[in-house]
Structures are given as structure tokens and as C-alpha cells.
């Protein structure tokens, strides 16, 4: 399995190649999209990208954890975590299968 990481520059280059915008415009477009997604998530909104998946923010309450090295109990403070749920279409693509009609309509 390839361990390559896709970067912002890779996304900008893909937009440049596929859409035909200039490299600068492509980079700016990628930045605007990522900023919009980040802004919506920071406001607690759900971001759903059809046939890809949805990003949500979940609030986690305070709990008691344990230091595995010492066994000492330590409080884990309340926090917000980002959750990504892949669409059935994306899952099918990853697994090289065909999504069912219900999967596509449900996305």
C-alpha cells in the first residue's frame, strides 16, 4: 500500500490540471474551500460533501483517565473532537466495489 500523503500543494496542482485555472488561482481556491470547511466546523456546523462523507464536531465530557506508565488517575478535560464519517460511495470506491442504488440515494 502506498504511504503517500496528499498536501495542499497536491490539491492545488490537481485543480490546476483538471479545471484549468492558473496555479495561483487554484491554490487560492483550495485555501478558500479549506477555510470555509474549518470555519463551519469551528462554529459547530456539520459539513457534508455528497459522495465523500461528512465532518462533524462532537463534544466529549470530562472523564478520568489513567497514566499507563504510573497507573495514576488523571482527569481528561472536556473537549471537542472532529469526527469524519465516510459516505457509502467513498467506502465502495476504497474497497473497489459498486455502491448500491440505496447507498447513492442515501448520500
N, C-alpha and C. Protein backbone atom coordinates (compact mmCIF):
# COMPACT_ATOMS: atom_id res chain seq x y z
N UNK A 1 0.84 -1.18 0.00
CA UNK A 1 0.00 0.00 0.00
C UNK A 1 0.89 1.25 0.00
N UNK A 2 0.52 2.20 -0.82
CA UNK A 2 1.30 3.43 -0.95
C UNK A 2 1.07 4.32 0.27
N UNK A 3 2.13 4.83 0.86
CA UNK A 3 2.04 5.66 2.05
C UNK A 3 2.15 7.15 1.73
N UNK A 4 1.87 7.56 0.51
CA UNK A 4 2.00 8.94 0.11
C UNK A 4 0.94 9.80 0.79
N UNK A 5 1.31 11.01 1.15
CA UNK A 5 0.39 11.96 1.77
C UNK A 5 0.05 13.04 0.75
N UNK A 6 -1.24 13.33 0.61
CA UNK A 6 -1.68 14.39 -0.29
C UNK A 6 -1.64 15.71 0.48
N UNK A 7 -1.01 16.71 -0.11
CA UNK A 7 -0.86 18.01 0.54
C UNK A 7 -1.73 19.07 -0.14
N UNK A 8 -1.76 20.25 0.44
CA UNK A 8 -2.47 21.36 -0.18
C UNK A 8 -1.91 21.64 -1.57
N UNK A 9 -0.61 21.56 -1.69
CA UNK A 9 0.03 21.80 -2.99
C UNK A 9 -0.44 20.77 -4.02
N UNK A 10 -0.60 19.52 -3.59
CA UNK A 10 -1.10 18.48 -4.49
C UNK A 10 -2.53 18.77 -4.92
N UNK A 11 -3.36 19.22 -3.98
CA UNK A 11 -4.73 19.57 -4.32
C UNK A 11 -4.77 20.74 -5.29
N UNK A 12 -3.94 21.74 -5.04
CA UNK A 12 -3.88 22.91 -5.93
C UNK A 12 -3.43 22.51 -7.33
N UNK A 13 -2.45 21.62 -7.40
CA UNK A 13 -1.96 21.14 -8.70
C UNK A 13 -3.05 20.37 -9.44
N UNK A 14 -3.83 19.58 -8.70
CA UNK A 14 -4.92 18.82 -9.32
C UNK A 14 -5.99 19.77 -9.88
N UNK A 15 -6.31 20.83 -9.13
CA UNK A 15 -7.27 21.82 -9.62
C UNK A 15 -6.71 22.49 -10.86
N UNK A 16 -5.43 22.85 -10.82
CA UNK A 16 -4.77 23.47 -11.97
C UNK A 16 -4.88 22.57 -13.21
N UNK A 17 -4.59 21.28 -13.03
CA UNK A 17 -4.60 20.33 -14.16
C UNK A 17 -6.02 20.07 -14.68
N UNK A 18 -6.97 19.90 -13.76
CA UNK A 18 -8.31 19.49 -14.15
C UNK A 18 -9.21 20.64 -14.58
N UNK A 19 -9.11 21.77 -13.89
CA UNK A 19 -10.03 22.87 -14.14
C UNK A 19 -9.46 23.89 -15.10
N UNK A 20 -8.15 24.06 -15.06
CA UNK A 20 -7.53 25.00 -15.98
C UNK A 20 -7.34 26.39 -15.42
N UNK A 21 -7.57 26.58 -14.13
CA UNK A 21 -7.26 27.87 -13.51
C UNK A 21 -5.75 28.00 -13.43
N UNK A 22 -5.28 29.22 -13.20
CA UNK A 22 -3.84 29.40 -13.03
C UNK A 22 -3.42 28.72 -11.73
N UNK A 23 -2.13 28.52 -11.56
CA UNK A 23 -1.64 27.88 -10.33
C UNK A 23 -2.01 28.71 -9.10
N UNK A 24 -1.88 30.04 -9.22
CA UNK A 24 -2.22 30.91 -8.09
C UNK A 24 -3.71 30.86 -7.78
N UNK A 25 -4.54 30.89 -8.82
CA UNK A 25 -5.99 30.81 -8.61
C UNK A 25 -6.38 29.46 -8.02
N UNK A 26 -5.74 28.41 -8.48
CA UNK A 26 -6.02 27.07 -7.97
C UNK A 26 -5.66 26.97 -6.49
N UNK A 27 -4.51 27.50 -6.11
CA UNK A 27 -4.09 27.49 -4.71
C UNK A 27 -5.06 28.31 -3.86
N UNK A 28 -5.49 29.45 -4.38
CA UNK A 28 -6.43 30.29 -3.64
C UNK A 28 -7.78 29.60 -3.47
N UNK A 29 -8.23 28.90 -4.51
CA UNK A 29 -9.49 28.17 -4.44
C UNK A 29 -9.43 27.09 -3.37
N UNK A 30 -8.36 26.33 -3.33
CA UNK A 30 -8.19 25.28 -2.32
C UNK A 30 -8.19 25.90 -0.93
N UNK A 31 -7.49 27.02 -0.75
CA UNK A 31 -7.44 27.69 0.55
C UNK A 31 -8.83 28.17 0.99
N UNK A 32 -9.59 28.72 0.06
CA UNK A 32 -10.93 29.21 0.38
C UNK A 32 -11.83 28.06 0.80
N UNK A 33 -11.77 26.96 0.09
CA UNK A 33 -12.60 25.79 0.43
C UNK A 33 -12.23 25.26 1.80
N UNK A 34 -10.93 25.09 2.06
CA UNK A 34 -10.50 24.57 3.36
C UNK A 34 -10.86 25.54 4.49
N UNK A 35 -10.74 26.83 4.25
CA UNK A 35 -11.09 27.82 5.27
C UNK A 35 -12.59 27.78 5.56
N UNK A 36 -13.39 27.60 4.54
CA UNK A 36 -14.85 27.52 4.73
C UNK A 36 -15.22 26.28 5.53
N UNK A 37 -14.59 25.15 5.23
CA UNK A 37 -14.85 23.92 5.98
C UNK A 37 -14.44 24.11 7.44
N UNK A 38 -13.24 24.63 7.66
CA UNK A 38 -12.74 24.83 9.03
C UNK A 38 -13.62 25.82 9.79
N UNK A 39 -14.06 26.87 9.15
CA UNK A 39 -14.92 27.85 9.80
C UNK A 39 -16.25 27.26 10.21
N UNK A 40 -16.85 26.48 9.32
CA UNK A 40 -18.13 25.85 9.63
C UNK A 40 -17.98 24.88 10.80
N UNK A 41 -16.91 24.11 10.80
CA UNK A 41 -16.69 23.16 11.89
C UNK A 41 -16.44 23.87 13.21
N UNK A 42 -15.70 24.97 13.18
CA UNK A 42 -15.43 25.71 14.42
C UNK A 42 -16.70 26.32 14.99
N UNK A 43 -17.70 26.57 14.13
CA UNK A 43 -19.00 27.08 14.59
C UNK A 43 -19.92 25.95 15.04
N UNK A 44 -19.44 24.71 14.94
CA UNK A 44 -20.24 23.57 15.37
C UNK A 44 -21.16 23.03 14.30
N UNK A 45 -21.01 23.49 13.07
CA UNK A 45 -21.86 23.02 11.97
C UNK A 45 -21.33 21.71 11.41
N UNK A 46 -22.20 20.95 10.75
CA UNK A 46 -21.80 19.73 10.07
C UNK A 46 -21.46 20.08 8.62
N UNK A 47 -20.39 19.51 8.11
CA UNK A 47 -20.02 19.71 6.72
C UNK A 47 -20.22 18.39 6.00
N UNK A 48 -21.15 18.37 5.04
CA UNK A 48 -21.43 17.15 4.29
C UNK A 48 -21.05 17.37 2.83
N UNK A 49 -20.17 16.51 2.35
CA UNK A 49 -19.75 16.57 0.95
C UNK A 49 -20.32 15.32 0.29
N UNK A 50 -21.30 15.51 -0.58
CA UNK A 50 -22.00 14.41 -1.21
C UNK A 50 -21.04 13.44 -1.88
N UNK A 51 -21.28 12.16 -1.70
CA UNK A 51 -20.48 11.06 -2.26
C UNK A 51 -19.07 11.00 -1.69
N UNK A 52 -18.80 11.76 -0.64
CA UNK A 52 -17.50 11.72 0.01
C UNK A 52 -17.65 11.39 1.48
N UNK A 53 -18.37 12.24 2.22
CA UNK A 53 -18.60 11.98 3.63
C UNK A 53 -18.98 13.24 4.37
N UNK A 54 -19.09 13.11 5.69
CA UNK A 54 -19.46 14.26 6.49
C UNK A 54 -18.52 14.42 7.67
N UNK A 55 -18.27 15.68 7.99
CA UNK A 55 -17.43 16.06 9.12
C UNK A 55 -18.35 16.67 10.17
N UNK A 56 -18.21 16.21 11.41
CA UNK A 56 -18.98 16.79 12.49
C UNK A 56 -18.06 17.02 13.69
N UNK A 57 -18.50 17.89 14.57
CA UNK A 57 -17.76 18.15 15.81
C UNK A 57 -18.60 17.56 16.94
N UNK A 58 -17.95 16.79 17.78
CA UNK A 58 -18.63 16.15 18.90
C UNK A 58 -18.01 16.66 20.20
N UNK A 59 -18.87 16.98 21.16
CA UNK A 59 -18.41 17.41 22.48
C UNK A 59 -18.20 16.17 23.34
N UNK A 60 -17.02 16.08 23.94
CA UNK A 60 -16.73 14.98 24.85
C UNK A 60 -16.61 15.55 26.26
N UNK A 61 -17.24 14.91 27.20
CA UNK A 61 -17.23 15.37 28.57
C UNK A 61 -15.95 15.00 29.29
N UNK A 62 -15.81 15.57 30.48
CA UNK A 62 -14.64 15.25 31.30
C UNK A 62 -14.75 13.81 31.78
N UNK A 63 -13.61 13.15 31.89
CA UNK A 63 -13.58 11.79 32.40
C UNK A 63 -12.25 11.56 33.09
N UNK A 64 -12.16 10.46 33.78
CA UNK A 64 -10.92 10.10 34.46
C UNK A 64 -10.17 9.10 33.59
N UNK A 65 -8.92 9.42 33.32
CA UNK A 65 -8.05 8.53 32.57
C UNK A 65 -6.97 8.00 33.50
N UNK A 66 -6.14 7.16 32.96
CA UNK A 66 -5.08 6.58 33.78
C UNK A 66 -3.77 6.64 33.00
N UNK A 67 -2.72 7.13 33.66
CA UNK A 67 -1.39 7.14 33.08
C UNK A 67 -0.93 5.68 32.99
N UNK A 68 -0.72 5.15 31.78
CA UNK A 68 -0.36 3.74 31.67
C UNK A 68 1.00 3.40 32.30
N UNK A 69 1.86 4.38 32.39
CA UNK A 69 3.18 4.12 32.94
C UNK A 69 3.17 4.03 34.46
N UNK A 70 2.42 4.95 35.09
CA UNK A 70 2.42 5.01 36.56
C UNK A 70 1.15 4.45 37.19
N UNK A 71 0.09 4.33 36.40
CA UNK A 71 -1.19 3.88 36.94
C UNK A 71 -1.95 4.98 37.65
N UNK A 72 -1.39 6.18 37.71
CA UNK A 72 -2.02 7.30 38.40
C UNK A 72 -3.23 7.79 37.61
N UNK A 73 -4.33 8.06 38.32
CA UNK A 73 -5.52 8.60 37.68
C UNK A 73 -5.32 10.08 37.39
N UNK A 74 -5.73 10.49 36.20
CA UNK A 74 -5.62 11.90 35.81
C UNK A 74 -6.92 12.31 35.12
N UNK A 75 -7.38 13.53 35.38
CA UNK A 75 -8.61 13.98 34.71
C UNK A 75 -8.31 14.33 33.25
N UNK A 76 -9.21 13.92 32.38
CA UNK A 76 -9.14 14.33 30.97
C UNK A 76 -10.22 15.38 30.80
N UNK A 77 -9.81 16.59 30.44
CA UNK A 77 -10.72 17.73 30.38
C UNK A 77 -11.73 17.60 29.24
N UNK A 78 -12.88 18.26 29.38
CA UNK A 78 -13.85 18.25 28.29
C UNK A 78 -13.24 18.88 27.04
N UNK A 79 -13.63 18.40 25.89
CA UNK A 79 -13.05 18.92 24.65
C UNK A 79 -14.00 18.62 23.49
N UNK A 80 -13.69 19.24 22.38
CA UNK A 80 -14.44 19.00 21.14
C UNK A 80 -13.53 18.19 20.22
N UNK A 81 -14.10 17.19 19.58
CA UNK A 81 -13.31 16.36 18.68
C UNK A 81 -13.97 16.35 17.30
N UNK A 82 -13.15 16.22 16.29
CA UNK A 82 -13.62 16.17 14.92
C UNK A 82 -13.87 14.72 14.54
N UNK A 83 -15.02 14.47 13.92
CA UNK A 83 -15.38 13.13 13.51
C UNK A 83 -15.67 13.15 12.01
N UNK A 84 -15.09 12.20 11.29
CA UNK A 84 -15.37 12.06 9.86
C UNK A 84 -16.08 10.75 9.65
N UNK A 85 -17.17 10.79 8.91
CA UNK A 85 -17.89 9.57 8.56
C UNK A 85 -17.93 9.49 7.04
N UNK A 86 -17.27 8.48 6.51
CA UNK A 86 -17.19 8.32 5.05
C UNK A 86 -18.55 7.90 4.50
N UNK A 87 -18.85 8.40 3.29
CA UNK A 87 -20.10 8.00 2.64
C UNK A 87 -19.98 6.57 2.13
N UNK A 88 -21.11 5.97 1.86
CA UNK A 88 -21.10 4.61 1.31
C UNK A 88 -20.46 4.58 -0.07
N UNK A 89 -20.59 5.66 -0.81
CA UNK A 89 -19.96 5.74 -2.13
C UNK A 89 -18.44 5.72 -1.99
N UNK A 90 -17.91 6.49 -1.05
CA UNK A 90 -16.46 6.50 -0.81
C UNK A 90 -15.98 5.15 -0.30
N UNK A 91 -16.74 4.56 0.63
CA UNK A 91 -16.37 3.24 1.14
C UNK A 91 -16.31 2.21 0.01
N UNK A 92 -17.27 2.27 -0.89
CA UNK A 92 -17.29 1.33 -2.02
C UNK A 92 -16.09 1.56 -2.93
N UNK A 93 -15.74 2.82 -3.15
CA UNK A 93 -14.60 3.14 -4.01
C UNK A 93 -13.30 2.62 -3.39
N UNK A 94 -13.16 2.80 -2.08
CA UNK A 94 -11.96 2.35 -1.38
C UNK A 94 -11.83 0.82 -1.47
N UNK A 95 -12.98 0.14 -1.41
CA UNK A 95 -12.98 -1.33 -1.43
C UNK A 95 -13.14 -1.91 -2.82
N UNK A 96 -13.11 -1.05 -3.85
CA UNK A 96 -13.25 -1.50 -5.24
C UNK A 96 -14.51 -2.31 -5.46
N UNK A 97 -15.61 -1.83 -4.87
CA UNK A 97 -16.90 -2.46 -5.09
C UNK A 97 -17.84 -1.44 -5.69
N UNK A 98 -19.01 -1.88 -6.07
CA UNK A 98 -20.00 -0.98 -6.65
C UNK A 98 -21.02 -0.62 -5.58
N UNK A 99 -21.25 0.68 -5.35
CA UNK A 99 -22.27 1.05 -4.36
C UNK A 99 -23.65 0.68 -4.87
N UNK A 100 -24.54 0.33 -3.95
CA UNK A 100 -25.90 0.01 -4.34
C UNK A 100 -26.66 1.30 -4.60
N UNK A 101 -27.80 1.18 -5.24
CA UNK A 101 -28.63 2.35 -5.53
C UNK A 101 -29.03 3.04 -4.23
N UNK A 102 -29.35 2.27 -3.19
CA UNK A 102 -29.72 2.84 -1.89
C UNK A 102 -28.58 3.63 -1.30
N UNK A 103 -27.33 3.15 -1.48
CA UNK A 103 -26.17 3.87 -0.96
C UNK A 103 -26.03 5.23 -1.63
N UNK A 104 -26.20 5.27 -2.93
CA UNK A 104 -26.03 6.52 -3.67
C UNK A 104 -27.14 7.49 -3.33
N UNK A 105 -28.39 7.00 -3.23
CA UNK A 105 -29.52 7.88 -2.92
C UNK A 105 -29.45 8.37 -1.48
N UNK A 106 -28.91 7.59 -0.58
CA UNK A 106 -28.81 7.96 0.82
C UNK A 106 -27.76 9.00 1.09
N UNK A 107 -26.82 9.24 0.20
CA UNK A 107 -25.73 10.19 0.40
C UNK A 107 -26.20 11.54 0.09
